[in-house]
Amino acid sequence: MATSREELLNKPADFDDAIDDDDESNLWEDLLNEAKQSSSKLQEHKNLIILGDLSCGKTTLIAKLQGNEEPEKGSGLEFAHLTISDEYREDSTKLGLWMLDGDATHTGLLKYALTADNFMDSLILVTVSMAQPWSILKSITNWLSIITDHIDRIGIPNEVMQQCKQKIIKHYQDYVEPDSLSSSRLTAPSSGEDSDPSVLPLGENVLINNLGVPVIVVLTKSDAISTLEKEMDYKEERFDFIQQHVRKLCLTYGAALFYVSVREEKNCDLLHKYIAHRVYGLEFSSPPSVVERDALFIPSGWDSDKKIAILAENLVTIKPDEEFEAVIKRPPALRRPANRDGEVAAEDQQDFLNRCQGLLAKGAPATPVSTRVESTKSAAKPRTGSSPSASPGSPKKSGDSKGSSQQGETVLANFFNSLLTKKSGSPAKASPDSKAARAELDRMTRNSKPST
């Protein structure tokens, strides 16, 4: 209750000192609260590195997360921002996005995206397309190997690396699956200095490859599952086989797994929230989802070898331990993909002229090819204008001369008959001179019949 003016005047003198002490204590409390709120604001120097092959859909996915309807494709190393909002603290910030081109020649640009300074504030996102299931496992393994080699090269101090690895282990162990009765206690990863004795140890194959940085594996174009069933006769058993191998690989890195479809808008918003949770420690209360085959979600810390073994029970015609490439094979028509940047190198002009000069010096024919072809064609045609009688010095026999003469008369007769006939095939009206010519041609035709 507020103190009235009369009460303050009637109070003893020592009461003024008490009021001053209360005001001073409230002032310090307000300052501490403001400092606490300012320290809890979202930081702006966090980074997300996106990796993936060519045409895997990572550009479309990032555009969807940004709310951009017209994605723009680039090359090399692209930089953008992703808006992250905290509804409880009414705060927002920009998360830096580094997207690397799928061409292997651009992997050297990772030195600008992931450095020793921003290593503790980074998240790795590996994308792979479900439209090409035969390359899923190979692509994920390849990009994780590339980022592992890059981390080894940037020279992170051993103490910092051990601290980052302990954060990943602590986050994995502290995971609690949310349910309808209790909310998730998924918060920001702790430093790992104080270990909880009640936390269970990691499994046999969990975090074998601890990179010290969170990893998310995203299978884009999950709507291609129905297309694979119709066009390539994929069965449910094959999709379980793919999921089994991918989950085993994610388990060794402690990575979360998402099946995402931008076209059907599946798991896009969920991925956005999970990124904000792993980078900024925001609250995340969505449970895992393994029922919908095209909207799979497995957070880091939930999966285990026993849960993956459930998929092996559904494999009847396929052995669970078979090689991935032996079961999920590339179609024959796609064995040799075309090179996107294929070029044809032209021969230098001086080299070409020197080569031609060398051929001419060796005695090679200098006649153009077109001239030789025309001469060959003219030699193959029958000589219709030759004389019917052989020359006196001709070595041909009289019978051969007579046969060639009759053949020439037949060709002439056919030629003039074609001139006297209309294009439609009906005979033209002949004049008296043309009748005489036709009679002469008929006589030549009868005489030109070959004799036995």
Protein backbone atom coordinates (compact mmCIF):
# COMPACT_ATOMS: atom_id res chain seq x y z
CA MET A 1 0.00 0.00 0.00
CA ALA A 2 1.33 3.45 -0.91
CA THR A 3 2.38 5.73 1.96
CA SER A 4 0.44 9.03 2.25
CA ARG A 5 2.07 12.42 2.66
CA GLU A 6 0.80 12.81 6.27
CA GLU A 7 2.28 9.46 7.26
CA LEU A 8 5.66 10.38 5.79
CA LEU A 9 5.66 13.70 7.73
CA ASN A 10 4.80 11.95 11.02
CA LYS A 11 7.51 9.25 10.59
CA PRO A 12 10.75 9.48 12.51
CA ALA A 13 13.94 10.81 10.91
CA ASP A 14 15.55 7.39 10.52
CA PHE A 15 12.71 6.37 8.17
CA ASP A 16 14.13 8.61 5.40
CA ASP A 17 17.35 6.63 5.45
CA ALA A 18 15.36 3.40 5.13
CA ILE A 19 13.53 4.79 2.10
CA ASP A 20 16.81 5.76 0.47
CA ASP A 21 18.19 2.26 1.07
CA ASP A 22 15.10 0.66 -0.52
CA ASP A 23 15.30 2.92 -3.57
CA GLU A 24 18.99 2.14 -4.00
CA SER A 25 18.39 -1.61 -3.75
CA ASN A 26 15.56 -1.44 -6.30
CA LEU A 27 17.78 0.52 -8.63
CA TRP A 28 20.48 -2.15 -8.50
CA GLU A 29 17.92 -4.87 -9.12
CA ASP A 30 16.64 -3.05 -12.20
CA LEU A 31 20.17 -2.66 -13.52
CA LEU A 32 20.89 -6.34 -12.98
CA ASN A 33 17.67 -7.36 -14.72
CA GLU A 34 18.47 -5.15 -17.70
CA ALA A 35 21.97 -6.56 -17.93
CA LYS A 36 20.59 -10.07 -17.74
CA GLN A 37 18.07 -9.40 -20.49
CA SER A 38 20.68 -7.79 -22.73
CA SER A 39 23.03 -10.76 -22.30
CA SER A 40 20.24 -13.18 -23.23
CA LYS A 41 19.53 -11.50 -26.55
CA LEU A 42 20.12 -13.49 -29.72
CA GLN A 43 23.61 -13.11 -31.05
CA GLU A 44 24.30 -12.00 -34.59
CA HIS A 45 27.54 -13.82 -35.37
CA LYS A 46 26.13 -17.34 -35.70
CA ASN A 47 26.64 -19.26 -38.97
CA LEU A 48 24.96 -22.06 -40.92
CA ILE A 49 27.03 -23.85 -43.59
CA ILE A 50 24.97 -25.66 -46.26
CA LEU A 51 26.58 -28.45 -48.31
CA GLY A 52 25.21 -30.68 -51.07
CA ASP A 53 25.62 -31.97 -54.61
CA LEU A 54 24.49 -30.24 -57.78
CA SER A 55 20.71 -30.10 -58.29
CA CYS A 56 19.99 -31.57 -54.86
CA GLY A 57 17.49 -28.82 -54.02
CA LYS A 58 19.47 -26.90 -51.39
CA THR A 59 18.86 -23.52 -53.09
CA THR A 60 15.11 -24.10 -53.20
CA LEU A 61 15.12 -25.28 -49.58
CA ILE A 62 16.95 -22.21 -48.30
CA ALA A 63 14.66 -19.93 -50.31
CA LYS A 64 11.70 -21.64 -48.65
CA LEU A 65 13.16 -21.10 -45.19
CA GLN A 66 13.74 -17.44 -46.05
CA GLY A 67 10.20 -17.01 -47.38
CA ASN A 68 11.50 -16.24 -50.85
CA GLU A 69 9.29 -17.55 -53.67
CA GLU A 70 11.85 -17.01 -56.44
CA PRO A 71 15.17 -18.65 -55.55
CA GLU A 72 18.26 -17.39 -57.34
CA LYS A 73 20.99 -19.87 -58.16
CA GLY A 74 24.60 -18.81 -57.90
CA SER A 75 28.02 -20.41 -58.02
CA GLY A 76 31.01 -20.75 -55.78
CA LEU A 77 30.23 -19.69 -52.21
CA GLU A 78 27.04 -17.72 -51.57
CA PHE A 79 26.13 -15.74 -48.46
CA ALA A 80 22.64 -14.86 -47.24
CA HIS A 81 20.65 -14.42 -44.02
CA LEU A 82 17.92 -16.35 -42.25
CA THR A 83 15.65 -14.54 -39.81
CA ILE A 84 15.42 -16.16 -36.37
CA SER A 85 12.75 -14.92 -33.94
CA ASP A 86 12.29 -15.56 -30.24
CA GLU A 87 8.62 -15.15 -29.36
CA TYR A 88 9.15 -15.29 -25.60
CA ARG A 89 11.79 -12.60 -25.41
CA GLU A 90 10.37 -10.69 -28.38
CA ASP A 91 13.74 -10.64 -30.05
CA SER A 92 14.98 -11.48 -33.54
CA THR A 93 18.29 -11.72 -35.31
CA LYS A 94 19.91 -12.70 -38.61
CA LEU A 95 21.58 -16.08 -38.97
CA GLY A 96 24.36 -16.07 -41.55
CA LEU A 97 24.00 -18.64 -44.34
CA TRP A 98 27.00 -19.91 -46.28
CA MET A 99 25.97 -22.12 -49.20
CA LEU A 100 28.72 -23.93 -51.08
CA ASP A 101 28.37 -24.93 -54.73
CA GLY A 102 28.03 -28.64 -55.41
CA ASP A 103 31.04 -28.69 -57.70
CA ALA A 104 34.00 -30.35 -55.96
CA THR A 105 36.36 -27.68 -57.31
CA HIS A 106 34.81 -25.08 -54.97
CA THR A 107 35.48 -26.90 -51.69
CA GLY A 108 38.51 -24.69 -51.09
CA LEU A 109 36.12 -21.78 -50.44
CA LEU A 110 35.14 -23.33 -47.10
CA LYS A 111 38.00 -21.41 -45.51
CA TYR A 112 35.84 -18.27 -45.73
CA ALA A 113 32.71 -19.89 -44.25
CA LEU A 114 34.08 -22.01 -41.38
CA THR A 115 37.05 -20.61 -39.50
CA ALA A 116 38.67 -21.14 -36.12
CA ASP A 117 36.99 -17.95 -34.86
CA ASN A 118 33.38 -18.90 -35.71
CA PHE A 119 33.73 -22.66 -35.19
CA MET A 120 31.93 -22.66 -31.83
CA ASP A 121 29.01 -20.70 -33.30
CA SER A 122 28.43 -22.76 -36.48
CA LEU A 123 26.07 -25.50 -37.67
CA ILE A 124 26.59 -27.89 -40.60
CA LEU A 125 23.65 -28.82 -42.84
CA VAL A 126 24.19 -31.55 -45.46
CA THR A 127 21.53 -31.88 -48.18
CA VAL A 128 20.95 -34.82 -50.52
CA SER A 129 18.14 -35.55 -52.97
CA MET A 130 15.66 -38.41 -52.64
CA ALA A 131 15.10 -38.18 -56.42
CA GLN A 132 18.44 -40.00 -56.83
CA PRO A 133 18.41 -42.59 -54.02
CA TRP A 134 21.39 -44.53 -55.40
CA SER A 135 23.73 -41.63 -54.54
CA ILE A 136 22.34 -40.74 -51.09
CA LEU A 137 24.81 -42.60 -48.90
CA LYS A 138 27.81 -41.76 -51.06
CA SER A 139 26.93 -38.07 -51.14
CA ILE A 140 26.46 -37.76 -47.37
CA THR A 141 29.72 -39.60 -46.70
CA ASN A 142 31.58 -37.46 -49.22
CA TRP A 143 30.47 -34.10 -47.80
CA LEU A 144 31.03 -35.15 -44.20
CA SER A 145 34.54 -36.24 -45.17
CA ILE A 146 35.15 -32.88 -46.85
CA ILE A 147 34.05 -30.91 -43.79
CA THR A 148 36.09 -33.20 -41.51
CA ASP A 149 39.26 -32.57 -43.52
CA HIS A 150 38.55 -28.82 -43.48
CA ILE A 151 38.15 -28.79 -39.68
CA ASP A 152 41.48 -30.57 -39.33
CA ARG A 153 43.17 -27.92 -41.49
CA ILE A 154 41.89 -24.75 -39.81
CA GLY A 155 43.93 -25.44 -36.69
CA ILE A 156 41.49 -25.29 -33.78
CA PRO A 157 43.26 -25.46 -30.40
CA ASN A 158 42.93 -28.78 -28.63
CA GLU A 159 41.25 -27.30 -25.55
CA VAL A 160 38.62 -25.57 -27.66
CA MET A 161 37.99 -28.71 -29.69
CA GLN A 162 37.54 -30.85 -26.57
CA GLN A 163 35.12 -28.30 -25.15
CA CYS A 164 33.07 -28.30 -28.38
CA LYS A 165 33.00 -32.10 -28.51
CA GLN A 166 31.84 -32.24 -24.91
CA LYS A 167 28.97 -29.90 -25.80
CA ILE A 168 27.82 -32.28 -28.53
CA ILE A 169 27.99 -35.25 -26.15
CA LYS A 170 26.14 -33.37 -23.43
CA HIS A 171 23.37 -32.33 -25.81
CA TYR A 172 22.98 -35.92 -27.01
CA GLN A 173 22.79 -37.28 -23.47
CA ASP A 174 20.43 -34.60 -22.19
CA TYR A 175 17.82 -35.18 -24.85
CA VAL A 176 14.36 -35.91 -23.47
CA GLU A 177 11.54 -36.86 -25.79
CA PRO A 178 8.62 -34.45 -25.35
CA ASP A 179 5.15 -35.83 -24.78
CA SER A 180 1.67 -34.51 -24.16
CA LEU A 181 2.15 -34.24 -20.38
CA SER A 182 5.54 -32.62 -20.06
CA SER A 183 7.29 -30.06 -22.21
CA SER A 184 10.69 -30.61 -23.65
CA ARG A 185 13.68 -29.48 -21.65
CA LEU A 186 15.70 -29.07 -24.80
CA THR A 187 17.68 -25.95 -24.11
CA ALA A 188 21.00 -24.50 -25.11
CA PRO A 189 23.84 -27.03 -24.89
CA SER A 190 25.75 -26.70 -21.68
CA SER A 191 29.49 -26.35 -21.45
CA GLY A 192 29.84 -29.91 -20.22
CA GLU A 193 32.01 -29.00 -17.21
CA ASP A 194 29.59 -30.46 -14.65
CA SER A 195 28.70 -34.03 -15.57
CA ASP A 196 25.46 -35.54 -14.34
CA PRO A 197 26.03 -39.04 -12.93
CA SER A 198 22.45 -40.04 -13.80
CA VAL A 199 23.03 -39.54 -17.54
CA LEU A 200 23.39 -42.78 -19.47
CA PRO A 201 26.59 -43.35 -21.44
CA LEU A 202 26.62 -43.20 -25.22
CA GLY A 203 25.85 -46.24 -27.31
CA GLU A 204 28.36 -48.37 -29.14
CA ASN A 205 28.16 -46.57 -32.52
CA VAL A 206 27.07 -43.13 -31.26
CA LEU A 207 29.28 -40.10 -32.01
CA ILE A 208 32.20 -42.13 -33.31
CA ASN A 209 32.95 -39.16 -35.59
CA ASN A 210 32.42 -36.21 -33.26
CA LEU A 211 33.18 -33.08 -35.31
CA GLY A 212 32.67 -30.69 -32.41
CA VAL A 213 29.94 -28.89 -34.38
CA PRO A 214 26.23 -29.84 -34.72
CA VAL A 215 25.25 -31.63 -37.94
CA ILE A 216 21.85 -31.91 -39.64
CA VAL A 217 21.25 -34.23 -42.61
CA VAL A 218 18.34 -33.24 -44.86
CA LEU A 219 16.89 -35.49 -47.58
CA THR A 220 15.22 -33.07 -49.97
CA LYS A 221 12.53 -33.87 -52.57
CA SER A 222 10.89 -36.50 -50.38
CA ASP A 223 7.85 -36.29 -52.66
CA ALA A 224 9.91 -38.28 -55.19
CA ILE A 225 9.10 -41.43 -53.20
CA SER A 226 5.78 -41.82 -55.03
CA THR A 227 7.53 -41.26 -58.36
CA LEU A 228 10.07 -43.98 -57.58
CA GLU A 229 7.24 -46.38 -56.80
CA LYS A 230 5.45 -45.76 -60.09
CA GLU A 231 8.32 -45.42 -62.53
CA MET A 232 11.06 -47.60 -61.02
CA ASP A 233 8.95 -50.14 -59.10
CA TYR A 234 10.41 -49.26 -55.69
CA LYS A 235 8.78 -51.11 -52.81
CA GLU A 236 8.38 -50.16 -49.17
CA GLU A 237 11.18 -52.53 -48.35
CA ARG A 238 13.68 -50.48 -50.35
CA PHE A 239 12.76 -47.26 -48.58
CA ASP A 240 13.24 -48.96 -45.22
CA PHE A 241 16.63 -50.17 -46.41
CA ILE A 242 17.61 -46.62 -47.40
CA GLN A 243 16.41 -45.20 -44.09
CA GLN A 244 18.32 -47.84 -42.15
CA HIS A 245 21.66 -47.00 -43.77
CA VAL A 246 21.16 -43.24 -43.51
CA ARG A 247 20.21 -43.43 -39.83
CA LYS A 248 23.25 -45.57 -39.05
CA LEU A 249 25.49 -43.01 -40.70
CA CYS A 250 23.81 -40.11 -38.86
CA LEU A 251 24.21 -41.98 -35.58
CA THR A 252 28.00 -42.05 -35.93
CA TYR A 253 28.06 -38.25 -36.31
CA GLY A 254 25.28 -37.54 -33.80
CA ALA A 255 23.37 -35.82 -36.60
CA ALA A 256 19.67 -35.07 -36.82
CA LEU A 257 17.75 -36.36 -39.86
CA PHE A 258 14.98 -34.65 -41.85
CA TYR A 259 12.91 -35.73 -44.86
CA VAL A 260 11.80 -32.48 -46.49
CA SER A 261 9.57 -31.63 -49.45
CA VAL A 262 9.40 -28.00 -50.53
CA ARG A 263 6.76 -28.77 -53.17
CA GLU A 264 4.39 -30.33 -50.63
CA GLU A 265 5.64 -28.12 -47.76
CA LYS A 266 6.59 -30.96 -45.46
CA ASN A 267 8.94 -30.40 -42.50
CA CYS A 268 10.13 -27.01 -43.80
CA ASP A 269 8.84 -25.04 -40.81
CA LEU A 270 9.98 -27.80 -38.46
CA LEU A 271 13.50 -27.59 -39.89
CA HIS A 272 13.52 -23.81 -39.38
CA LYS A 273 12.60 -24.22 -35.71
CA TYR A 274 15.15 -26.96 -35.15
CA ILE A 275 17.93 -24.83 -36.64
CA ALA A 276 17.01 -22.01 -34.26
CA HIS A 277 17.03 -24.51 -31.38
CA ARG A 278 20.48 -25.94 -32.17
CA VAL A 279 22.13 -22.60 -32.91
CA TYR A 280 20.51 -20.31 -30.31
CA GLY A 281 19.16 -22.81 -27.80
CA LEU A 282 15.52 -21.80 -28.27
CA GLU A 283 12.80 -24.06 -26.91
CA PHE A 284 11.84 -26.96 -29.17
CA SER A 285 8.97 -29.28 -28.26
CA SER A 286 8.27 -31.28 -31.42
CA PRO A 287 8.54 -35.06 -30.99
CA PRO A 288 10.27 -37.38 -33.46
CA SER A 289 8.29 -38.61 -36.45
CA VAL A 290 8.98 -41.99 -38.05
CA VAL A 291 5.47 -42.88 -39.23
CA GLU A 292 5.22 -40.77 -42.39
CA ARG A 293 7.87 -42.05 -44.76
CA ASP A 294 8.14 -38.72 -46.65
CA ALA A 295 8.15 -36.52 -43.51
CA LEU A 296 10.68 -38.30 -41.32
CA PHE A 297 12.21 -36.38 -38.41
CA ILE A 298 14.80 -37.80 -36.01
CA PRO A 299 16.38 -35.26 -33.64
CA SER A 300 19.89 -35.62 -32.35
CA GLY A 301 19.89 -37.74 -29.17
CA TRP A 302 16.80 -39.83 -29.91
CA ASP A 303 18.04 -42.57 -32.21
CA SER A 304 19.90 -45.74 -31.26
CA ASP A 305 20.94 -49.10 -32.69
CA LYS A 306 17.91 -50.81 -31.17
CA LYS A 307 15.48 -48.40 -32.81
CA ILE A 308 17.20 -48.80 -36.16
CA ALA A 309 17.03 -52.58 -35.82
CA ILE A 310 13.23 -52.35 -36.02
CA LEU A 311 13.56 -51.51 -39.71
CA ALA A 312 15.51 -54.72 -40.29
CA GLU A 313 12.46 -56.74 -39.25
CA ASN A 314 10.57 -55.44 -42.28
CA LEU A 315 13.27 -56.54 -44.74
CA VAL A 316 12.30 -59.87 -46.30
CA THR A 317 13.94 -60.09 -49.73
CA ILE A 318 16.83 -57.78 -48.79
CA LYS A 319 19.45 -58.54 -46.18
CA PRO A 320 19.99 -55.71 -43.68
CA ASP A 321 23.78 -55.95 -43.91
CA GLU A 322 23.97 -55.84 -47.73
CA GLU A 323 25.96 -53.14 -49.45
CA PHE A 324 23.95 -50.04 -50.24
CA GLU A 325 25.09 -49.81 -53.89
CA ALA A 326 24.30 -53.51 -54.44
CA VAL A 327 20.62 -52.99 -53.58
CA ILE A 328 19.95 -49.39 -54.61
CA LYS A 329 21.47 -49.41 -58.09
CA ARG A 330 21.75 -46.59 -60.56
CA PRO A 331 19.51 -47.08 -63.64
CA PRO A 332 21.39 -48.07 -66.84
CA ALA A 333 20.33 -44.90 -68.64
CA LEU A 334 22.04 -42.80 -65.95
CA ARG A 335 25.33 -44.62 -65.78
CA ARG A 336 27.27 -41.82 -67.43
CA PRO A 337 25.92 -38.41 -66.51
CA ALA A 338 26.74 -35.59 -68.90
CA ASN A 339 29.36 -33.07 -67.86
CA ARG A 340 27.78 -29.69 -67.12
CA ASP A 341 30.88 -27.72 -68.11
CA GLY A 342 32.03 -29.78 -71.10
CA GLU A 343 34.14 -27.82 -73.58
CA VAL A 344 35.66 -28.61 -76.96
CA ALA A 345 39.18 -27.29 -77.48
CA ALA A 346 39.89 -26.05 -81.01
CA GLU A 347 43.24 -26.70 -82.67
CA ASP A 348 45.56 -23.74 -83.00
CA GLN A 349 45.54 -22.21 -86.48
CA GLN A 350 49.34 -22.23 -86.89
CA ASP A 351 49.55 -25.84 -85.75
CA PHE A 352 46.89 -26.80 -88.26
CA LEU A 353 48.73 -25.05 -91.13
CA ASN A 354 52.05 -26.61 -90.14
CA ARG A 355 50.46 -30.04 -90.08
CA CYS A 356 49.00 -29.50 -93.56
CA GLN A 357 52.38 -28.32 -94.82
CA GLY A 358 54.00 -31.48 -93.51
CA LEU A 359 51.43 -33.65 -95.30
CA LEU A 360 52.01 -31.81 -98.56
CA ALA A 361 55.76 -32.23 -98.21
CA LYS A 362 55.32 -35.98 -97.83
CA GLY A 363 53.40 -36.15 -101.10
CA ALA A 364 49.85 -36.30 -99.76
CA PRO A 365 47.20 -35.28 -102.31
CA ALA A 366 46.36 -31.61 -102.05
CA THR A 367 43.05 -31.91 -103.91
CA PRO A 368 40.13 -30.80 -101.78
CA VAL A 369 37.78 -33.48 -100.58
CA SER A 370 34.78 -31.95 -102.34
CA THR A 371 36.60 -32.07 -105.72
CA ARG A 372 37.46 -35.74 -105.28
CA VAL A 373 33.87 -36.54 -104.40
CA GLU A 374 32.52 -34.77 -107.52
CA SER A 375 34.99 -36.56 -109.75
CA THR A 376 33.99 -39.90 -108.26
CA LYS A 377 30.31 -39.17 -108.88
CA SER A 378 30.91 -38.14 -112.51
CA ALA A 379 32.90 -41.32 -113.15
CA ALA A 380 30.10 -43.46 -111.79
CA LYS A 381 27.44 -41.94 -114.12
CA PRO A 382 26.83 -43.63 -117.56
CA ARG A 383 28.20 -41.70 -120.54
CA THR A 384 25.05 -41.16 -122.59
CA GLY A 385 26.68 -38.91 -125.22
CA SER A 386 29.18 -41.48 -126.53
CA SER A 387 29.17 -42.47 -130.15
CA PRO A 388 27.24 -45.67 -130.96
CA SER A 389 30.12 -46.97 -133.06
CA ALA A 390 33.50 -47.79 -131.60
CA SER A 391 36.60 -45.97 -132.74
CA PRO A 392 39.01 -47.80 -135.05
CA GLY A 393 41.66 -48.04 -132.35
CA SER A 394 39.29 -49.24 -129.65
CA PRO A 395 40.23 -52.58 -128.15
CA LYS A 396 36.58 -53.42 -127.44
CA LYS A 397 34.82 -56.17 -129.34
CA SER A 398 32.04 -55.50 -131.80
CA GLY A 399 29.48 -57.18 -129.55
CA ASP A 400 30.36 -54.90 -126.66
CA SER A 401 30.14 -51.88 -128.94
CA LYS A 402 26.73 -52.93 -130.18
CA GLY A 403 25.44 -53.51 -126.64
CA SER A 404 26.64 -50.12 -125.42
CA SER A 405 25.03 -48.45 -128.49
CA GLN A 406 21.68 -50.10 -127.79
CA GLN A 407 21.89 -49.08 -124.14
CA GLY A 408 22.54 -45.48 -125.12
CA GLU A 409 19.57 -45.46 -127.52
CA THR A 410 17.34 -46.79 -124.72
CA VAL A 411 18.41 -43.98 -122.41
CA LEU A 412 17.75 -41.37 -125.12
CA ALA A 413 14.33 -42.86 -125.86
CA ASN A 414 13.33 -42.76 -122.21
CA PHE A 415 14.57 -39.20 -121.90
CA PHE A 416 12.53 -37.87 -124.85
CA ASN A 417 9.46 -39.84 -123.73
CA SER A 418 9.63 -38.08 -120.38
CA LEU A 419 9.76 -34.72 -122.13
CA LEU A 420 6.66 -35.53 -124.19
CA THR A 421 4.66 -36.58 -121.13
CA LYS A 422 2.98 -34.20 -118.71
CA LYS A 423 3.83 -34.19 -114.99
CA SER A 424 0.38 -35.62 -114.22
CA GLY A 425 1.11 -38.65 -116.35
CA SER A 426 -1.34 -37.94 -119.21
CA PRO A 427 0.15 -37.77 -122.76
CA ALA A 428 0.43 -34.31 -124.31
CA LYS A 429 -1.21 -33.33 -127.60
CA ALA A 430 1.35 -34.02 -130.26
CA SER A 431 1.89 -32.03 -133.42
CA PRO A 432 2.61 -33.75 -136.82
CA ASP A 433 6.31 -33.29 -136.24
CA SER A 434 6.07 -34.77 -132.76
CA LYS A 435 4.17 -37.81 -134.14
CA ALA A 436 7.01 -38.52 -136.48
CA ALA A 437 9.49 -38.12 -133.65
CA ARG A 438 7.49 -40.50 -131.48
CA ALA A 439 7.40 -43.11 -134.24
CA GLU A 440 11.15 -42.82 -134.59
CA LEU A 441 11.57 -43.20 -130.84
CA ASP A 442 9.36 -46.30 -130.80
CA ARG A 443 11.53 -47.82 -133.50
CA MET A 444 14.66 -47.06 -131.52
CA THR A 445 13.11 -48.59 -128.44
CA ARG A 446 12.22 -51.83 -130.27
CA ASN A 447 15.70 -52.09 -131.74
CA SER A 448 17.34 -51.45 -128.38
CA LYS A 449 15.99 -54.66 -126.81
CA PRO A 450 18.96 -56.75 -125.66
CA SER A 451 19.61 -59.86 -127.67
CA THR A 452 20.43 -63.14 -126.04
